[in-house]
C-alpha atoms as a PDB file:
ATOM      1  CA  MET A   1     -27.734 -71.921 -17.477  1.00  0.00           C
ATOM      2  CA  SER A   2     -31.343 -72.673 -16.773  1.00  0.00           C
ATOM      3  CA  TYR A   3     -34.118 -70.126 -16.317  1.00  0.00           C
ATOM      4  CA  ARG A   4     -34.136 -70.547 -12.530  1.00  0.00           C
ATOM      5  CA  THR A   5     -30.421 -69.967 -12.068  1.00  0.00           C
ATOM      6  CA  ASN A   6     -29.918 -67.190 -14.626  1.00  0.00           C
ATOM      7  CA  PRO A   7     -28.974 -64.142 -12.517  1.00  0.00           C
ATOM      8  CA  ASP A   8     -30.173 -61.651 -15.126  1.00  0.00           C
ATOM      9  CA  ARG A   9     -33.668 -63.113 -15.168  1.00  0.00           C
ATOM     10  CA  ILE A  10     -33.779 -63.257 -11.387  1.00  0.00           C
ATOM     11  CA  LEU A  11     -32.829 -59.568 -11.182  1.00  0.00           C
ATOM     12  CA  GLU A  12     -35.419 -58.686 -13.856  1.00  0.00           C
ATOM     13  CA  ASN A  13     -38.116 -60.426 -11.837  1.00  0.00           C
ATOM     14  CA  ILE A  14     -37.046 -58.601  -8.696  1.00  0.00           C
ATOM     15  CA  ASP A  15     -37.115 -55.258 -10.546  1.00  0.00           C
ATOM     16  CA  ARG A  16     -40.577 -55.986 -11.956  1.00  0.00           C
ATOM     17  CA  ALA A  17     -41.874 -56.894  -8.502  1.00  0.00           C
ATOM     18  CA  ARG A  18     -40.424 -53.697  -7.011  1.00  0.00           C
ATOM     19  CA  SER A  19     -41.928 -51.533  -9.726  1.00  0.00           C
ATOM     20  CA  ARG A  20     -45.343 -53.192  -9.213  1.00  0.00           C
ATOM     21  CA  ASP A  21     -45.101 -52.523  -5.481  1.00  0.00           C
ATOM     22  CA  MET A  22     -44.157 -48.890  -6.104  1.00  0.00           C
ATOM     23  CA  GLU A  23     -47.069 -48.428  -8.533  1.00  0.00           C
ATOM     24  CA  ARG A  24     -49.448 -49.942  -5.993  1.00  0.00           C
ATOM     25  CA  ALA A  25     -48.158 -47.599  -3.290  1.00  0.00           C
ATOM     26  CA  LEU A  26     -48.504 -44.591  -5.578  1.00  0.00           C
ATOM     27  CA  SER A  27     -52.033 -45.548  -6.563  1.00  0.00           C
ATOM     28  CA  LEU A  28     -53.111 -45.371  -2.915  1.00  0.00           C
ATOM     29  CA  ASN A  29     -51.792 -41.807  -2.574  1.00  0.00           C
ATOM     30  CA  ASP A  30     -53.204 -40.421  -5.805  1.00  0.00           C
ATOM     31  CA  ARG A  31     -56.789 -40.291  -4.598  1.00  0.00           C
ATOM     32  CA  GLN A  32     -56.431 -37.180  -2.462  1.00  0.00           C
ATOM     33  CA  ALA A  33     -56.038 -33.471  -3.006  1.00  0.00           C
ATOM     34  CA  ARG A  34     -54.847 -31.479  -0.006  1.00  0.00           C
ATOM     35  CA  GLY A  35     -54.424 -27.897   0.983  1.00  0.00           C
ATOM     36  CA  ARG A  36     -52.599 -26.957   4.158  1.00  0.00           C
ATOM     37  CA  GLU A  37     -52.175 -23.521   5.666  1.00  0.00           C
ATOM     38  CA  MET A  38     -50.579 -22.320   8.894  1.00  0.00           C
ATOM     39  CA  ASP A  39     -50.928 -19.002  10.727  1.00  0.00           C
ATOM     40  CA  THR A  40     -48.038 -18.048  12.978  1.00  0.00           C
ATOM     41  CA  THR A  41     -49.212 -14.561  13.923  1.00  0.00           C
ATOM     42  CA  VAL A  42     -50.598 -14.571  17.439  1.00  0.00           C
ATOM     43  CA  PRO A  43     -53.830 -12.604  17.822  1.00  0.00           C
ATOM     44  CA  ASP A  44     -53.880  -9.725  20.277  1.00  0.00           C
ATOM     45  CA  GLY A  45     -54.823 -10.543  23.831  1.00  0.00           C
ATOM     46  CA  ASP A  46     -57.873  -8.290  23.552  1.00  0.00           C
ATOM     47  CA  ALA A  47     -59.030  -9.737  20.192  1.00  0.00           C
ATOM     48  CA  THR A  48     -62.756 -10.360  20.100  1.00  0.00           C
ATOM     49  CA  THR A  49     -64.318 -13.744  19.479  1.00  0.00           C
ATOM     50  CA  PRO A  50     -65.531 -12.813  15.958  1.00  0.00           C
ATOM     51  CA  GLU A  51     -61.999 -11.678  15.040  1.00  0.00           C
ATOM     52  CA  ARG A  52     -60.533 -14.932  16.293  1.00  0.00           C
ATOM     53  CA  MET A  53     -63.224 -16.964  14.478  1.00  0.00           C
ATOM     54  CA  ARG A  54     -62.472 -15.008  11.296  1.00  0.00           C
ATOM     55  CA  ARG A  55     -58.809 -15.979  11.682  1.00  0.00           C
ATOM     56  CA  LEU A  56     -59.749 -19.677  11.774  1.00  0.00           C
ATOM     57  CA  PHE A  57     -62.180 -19.320   8.859  1.00  0.00           C
ATOM     58  CA  ASP A  58     -59.534 -17.506   6.800  1.00  0.00           C
ATOM     59  CA  LEU A  59     -57.154 -20.412   7.425  1.00  0.00           C
ATOM     60  CA  VAL A  60     -59.759 -22.911   6.258  1.00  0.00           C
ATOM     61  CA  ASP A  61     -60.549 -20.742   3.233  1.00  0.00           C
ATOM     62  CA  SER A  62     -56.888 -20.529   2.304  1.00  0.00           C
ATOM     63  CA  GLY A  63     -56.527 -24.308   2.682  1.00  0.00           C
ATOM     64  CA  TYR A  64     -59.579 -24.778   0.463  1.00  0.00           C
ATOM     65  CA  ARG A  65     -58.097 -22.560  -2.242  1.00  0.00           C
ATOM     66  CA  LYS A  66     -54.810 -24.481  -2.125  1.00  0.00           C
ATOM     67  CA  ALA A  67     -56.640 -27.812  -2.445  1.00  0.00           C
ATOM     68  CA  ALA A  68     -58.833 -26.556  -5.295  1.00  0.00           C
ATOM     69  CA  GLN A  69     -55.859 -25.167  -7.214  1.00  0.00           C
ATOM     70  CA  SER A  70     -53.415 -27.956  -6.409  1.00  0.00           C
ATOM     71  CA  ALA A  71     -51.812 -30.140  -9.027  1.00  0.00           C
ATOM     72  CA  GLU A  72     -53.204 -33.165  -7.167  1.00  0.00           C
ATOM     73  CA  ILE A  73     -56.751 -32.500  -8.369  1.00  0.00           C
ATOM     74  CA  SER A  74     -55.913 -33.177 -12.029  1.00  0.00           C
ATOM     75  CA  PRO A  75     -55.113 -36.891 -11.522  1.00  0.00           C
ATOM     76  CA  LEU A  76     -58.372 -37.202  -9.569  1.00  0.00           C
ATOM     77  CA  ALA A  77     -60.264 -35.684 -12.474  1.00  0.00           C
ATOM     78  CA  ALA A  78     -58.483 -37.970 -14.939  1.00  0.00           C
ATOM     79  CA  ARG A  79     -60.119 -40.944 -13.210  1.00  0.00           C
ATOM     80  CA  PHE A  80     -63.468 -39.815 -14.618  1.00  0.00           C
ATOM     81  CA  ARG A  81     -62.719 -40.836 -18.192  1.00  0.00           C
ATOM     82  CA  ALA A  82     -64.580 -44.111 -17.704  1.00  0.00           C
ATOM     83  CA  ILE A  83     -67.162 -42.908 -15.186  1.00  0.00           C
ATOM     84  CA  GLY A  84     -68.839 -40.562 -17.660  1.00  0.00           C
ATOM     85  CA  ASP A  85     -69.045 -43.264 -20.299  1.00  0.00           C
ATOM     86  CA  ILE A  86     -70.858 -45.910 -18.258  1.00  0.00           C
ATOM     87  CA  SER A  87     -74.244 -44.877 -16.900  1.00  0.00           C
ATOM     88  CA  HIS A  88     -74.254 -46.929 -13.683  1.00  0.00           C
ATOM     89  CA  GLN A  89     -70.814 -46.000 -12.306  1.00  0.00           C
ATOM     90  CA  MET A  90     -70.199 -43.239  -9.809  1.00  0.00           C
ATOM     91  CA  ALA A  91     -67.603 -42.014  -7.345  1.00  0.00           C
ATOM     92  CA  VAL A  92     -67.866 -41.355  -3.634  1.00  0.00           C
ATOM     93  CA  GLY A  93     -65.562 -39.471  -1.350  1.00  0.00           C
ATOM     94  CA  ASP A  94     -65.081 -37.283   1.668  1.00  0.00           C
ATOM     95  CA  VAL A  95     -64.139 -33.701   2.294  1.00  0.00           C
ATOM     96  CA  SER A  96     -62.421 -33.163   5.612  1.00  0.00           C
ATOM     97  CA  VAL A  97     -61.434 -30.006   7.432  1.00  0.00           C
ATOM     98  CA  SER A  98     -58.926 -30.239  10.258  1.00  0.00           C
ATOM     99  CA  ILE A  99     -57.903 -27.423  12.598  1.00  0.00           C
ATOM    100  CA  GLN A 100     -54.664 -28.070  14.507  1.00  0.00           C
ATOM    101  CA  TYR A 101     -53.726 -26.091  17.595  1.00  0.00           C
ATOM    102  CA  LEU A 102     -49.944 -26.302  17.517  1.00  0.00           C
ATOM    103  CA  ASP A 103     -49.209 -24.410  20.752  1.00  0.00           C
ATOM    104  CA  HIS A 104     -51.952 -25.966  22.868  1.00  0.00           C
ATOM    105  CA  GLU A 105     -52.575 -29.482  24.108  1.00  0.00           C
ATOM    106  CA  ARG A 106     -56.112 -29.543  22.701  1.00  0.00           C
ATOM    107  CA  HIS A 107     -56.714 -32.243  20.117  1.00  0.00           C
ATOM    108  CA  ASP A 108     -57.407 -31.351  16.494  1.00  0.00           C
ATOM    109  CA  ASP A 109     -60.945 -30.443  15.518  1.00  0.00           C
ATOM    110  CA  VAL A 110     -61.949 -32.466  12.453  1.00  0.00           C
ATOM    111  CA  GLY A 111     -65.109 -32.343  10.371  1.00  0.00           C
ATOM    112  CA  VAL A 112     -65.812 -34.856   7.594  1.00  0.00           C
ATOM    113  CA  VAL A 113     -68.571 -34.637   4.983  1.00  0.00           C
ATOM    114  CA  PRO A 114     -69.239 -37.439   2.467  1.00  0.00           C
ATOM    115  CA  PHE A 115     -70.262 -36.781  -1.134  1.00  0.00           C
ATOM    116  CA  GLU A 116     -70.993 -38.681  -4.315  1.00  0.00           C
ATOM    117  CA  ILE A 117     -70.577 -37.875  -7.981  1.00  0.00           C
ATOM    118  CA  THR A 118     -72.864 -39.443 -10.541  1.00  0.00           C
ATOM    119  CA  PRO A 119     -72.772 -39.330 -14.338  1.00  0.00           C
ATOM    120  CA  ARG A 120     -75.687 -36.879 -14.170  1.00  0.00           C
ATOM    121  CA  ASP A 121     -73.385 -34.399 -12.377  1.00  0.00           C
ATOM    122  CA  LEU A 122     -70.868 -34.714 -15.181  1.00  0.00           C
ATOM    123  CA  GLU A 123     -73.617 -34.166 -17.760  1.00  0.00           C
ATOM    124  CA  GLU A 124     -74.668 -30.940 -16.029  1.00  0.00           C
ATOM    125  CA  ALA A 125     -71.049 -29.794 -15.911  1.00  0.00           C
ATOM    126  CA  ARG A 126     -70.715 -30.608 -19.611  1.00  0.00           C
ATOM    127  CA  LYS A 127     -73.646 -28.300 -20.365  1.00  0.00           C
ATOM    128  CA  GLU A 128     -72.004 -25.469 -18.412  1.00  0.00           C
ATOM    129  CA  THR A 129     -68.474 -25.900 -19.739  1.00  0.00           C
ATOM    130  CA  ARG A 130     -69.597 -26.775 -23.265  1.00  0.00           C
ATOM    131  CA  THR A 131     -66.844 -29.321 -23.633  1.00  0.00           C
ATOM    132  CA  SER A 132     -67.014 -33.100 -23.787  1.00  0.00           C
ATOM    133  CA  ARG A 133     -63.655 -33.667 -22.092  1.00  0.00           C
ATOM    134  CA  PRO A 134     -64.449 -35.719 -18.972  1.00  0.00           C
ATOM    135  CA  ASP A 135     -61.424 -34.475 -17.024  1.00  0.00           C
ATOM    136  CA  VAL A 136     -62.402 -30.793 -17.474  1.00  0.00           C
ATOM    137  CA  ASN A 137     -65.963 -31.514 -16.420  1.00  0.00           C
ATOM    138  CA  ALA A 138     -64.742 -33.607 -13.487  1.00  0.00           C
ATOM    139  CA  ILE A 139     -62.507 -30.786 -12.230  1.00  0.00           C
ATOM    140  CA  LYS A 140     -65.534 -28.495 -12.199  1.00  0.00           C
ATOM    141  CA  VAL A 141     -67.618 -31.051 -10.291  1.00  0.00           C
ATOM    142  CA  LEU A 142     -64.789 -31.849  -7.863  1.00  0.00           C
ATOM    143  CA  ARG A 143     -64.229 -28.180  -7.059  1.00  0.00           C
ATOM    144  CA  LEU A 144     -67.946 -27.706  -6.487  1.00  0.00           C
ATOM    145  CA  ARG A 145     -68.087 -30.729  -4.151  1.00  0.00           C
ATOM    146  CA  LEU A 146     -64.954 -29.470  -2.390  1.00  0.00           C
ATOM    147  CA  ARG A 147     -66.468 -26.030  -1.817  1.00  0.00           C
ATOM    148  CA  ASP A 148     -69.780 -27.401  -0.541  1.00  0.00           C
ATOM    149  CA  GLY A 149     -68.008 -29.990   1.600  1.00  0.00           C
ATOM    150  CA  VAL A 150     -65.684 -27.445   3.200  1.00  0.00           C
ATOM    151  CA  LEU A 151     -68.596 -25.212   4.151  1.00  0.00           C
ATOM    152  CA  ALA A 152     -70.581 -28.146   5.573  1.00  0.00           C
ATOM    153  CA  ALA A 153     -67.578 -29.508   7.487  1.00  0.00           C
ATOM    154  CA  TYR A 154     -66.829 -26.054   8.887  1.00  0.00           C
ATOM    155  CA  ARG A 155     -70.443 -25.768  10.078  1.00  0.00           C
ATOM    156  CA  LYS A 156     -70.038 -29.170  11.776  1.00  0.00           C
ATOM    157  CA  ILE A 157     -66.961 -28.146  13.747  1.00  0.00           C
ATOM    158  CA  ASP A 158     -68.146 -24.585  14.480  1.00  0.00           C
ATOM    159  CA  PRO A 159     -69.357 -25.426  18.044  1.00  0.00           C
ATOM    160  CA  ARG A 160     -66.049 -27.141  18.823  1.00  0.00           C
ATOM    161  CA  LEU A 161     -64.141 -24.133  17.472  1.00  0.00           C
ATOM    162  CA  ARG A 162     -66.113 -21.824  19.755  1.00  0.00           C
ATOM    163  CA  ASP A 163     -65.272 -24.134  22.662  1.00  0.00           C
ATOM    164  CA  ALA A 164     -61.590 -23.964  21.682  1.00  0.00           C
ATOM    165  CA  LEU A 165     -61.802 -20.166  21.693  1.00  0.00           C
ATOM    166  CA  LYS A 166     -63.130 -20.282  25.251  1.00  0.00           C
ATOM    167  CA  ASN A 167     -60.116 -22.387  26.243  1.00  0.00           C
ATOM    168  CA  ARG A 168     -57.880 -19.950  24.331  1.00  0.00           C
ATOM    169  CA  ALA A 169     -56.451 -22.827  22.280  1.00  0.00           C
ATOM    170  CA  ASP A 170     -56.209 -20.563  19.238  1.00  0.00           C
ATOM    171  CA  ILE A 171     -53.702 -18.235  20.915  1.00  0.00           C
ATOM    172  CA  GLY A 172     -50.513 -19.292  19.185  1.00  0.00           C
ATOM    173  CA  HIS A 173     -49.756 -21.148  15.972  1.00  0.00           C
ATOM    174  CA  VAL A 174     -52.782 -22.676  14.279  1.00  0.00           C
ATOM    175  CA  GLY A 175     -52.919 -24.865  11.186  1.00  0.00           C
ATOM    176  CA  ALA A 176     -55.756 -25.913   8.886  1.00  0.00           C
ATOM    177  CA  GLU A 177     -55.838 -28.776   6.426  1.00  0.00           C
ATOM    178  CA  VAL A 178     -58.499 -29.387   3.794  1.00  0.00           C
ATOM    179  CA  THR A 179     -58.540 -32.814   2.138  1.00  0.00           C
ATOM    180  CA  LEU A 180     -60.600 -34.172  -0.737  1.00  0.00           C
ATOM    181  CA  ASP A 181     -60.546 -37.970  -0.829  1.00  0.00           C
ATOM    182  CA  LEU A 182     -62.093 -39.750  -3.830  1.00  0.00           C
ATOM    183  CA  ARG A 183     -62.943 -43.429  -4.206  1.00  0.00           C
ATOM    184  CA  PRO A 184     -64.603 -45.182  -7.148  1.00  0.00           C
ATOM    185  CA  SER A 185     -67.841 -46.955  -6.346  1.00  0.00           C
ATOM    186  CA  VAL A 186     -70.392 -49.029  -8.189  1.00  0.00           C
ATOM    187  CA  PRO A 187     -73.824 -48.818  -6.567  1.00  0.00           C
ATOM    188  CA  ALA A 188     -75.716 -51.993  -5.716  1.00  0.00           C
ATOM    189  CA  SER A 189     -78.448 -52.707  -8.243  1.00  0.00           C
END
């Protein structure tokens, strides 16, 4: 039997192609860390605006904590093994905060804040953590960027949240999702 007609080799090639496709699909999903929280308790009808805003902020805060403590952040930090070694490489990304009104027809309120991580950030983290492991230092930097990004994104959508409170869109089930998306980047020289 020749190489082209050998069924075993044909099946091996098909398996290799499938595994490459699966690895490619997985590599697209491993650049995000997410935290999602949902509140199903309906606020009282006479709840004040600050109480209702606190409910939304608590949801975002809980989503932030889930994203910062998730197992998805470790593979993101593992990508920094090469970034800390080469002085001109960096990473860019976005932190997004999304508030979903599940019992109202209002569209989601989404705030997105971009960020960048340079080798200098990893050096500063190395001084604080006193370890040279790039993944440990990267987790520290990623959590810091996540925290700052969540606060900035929340400030961006604050006027829209107040508008949603006027429309009483928050009366009912509300969800919040915090996402950290990381992409490698090489700046133009």
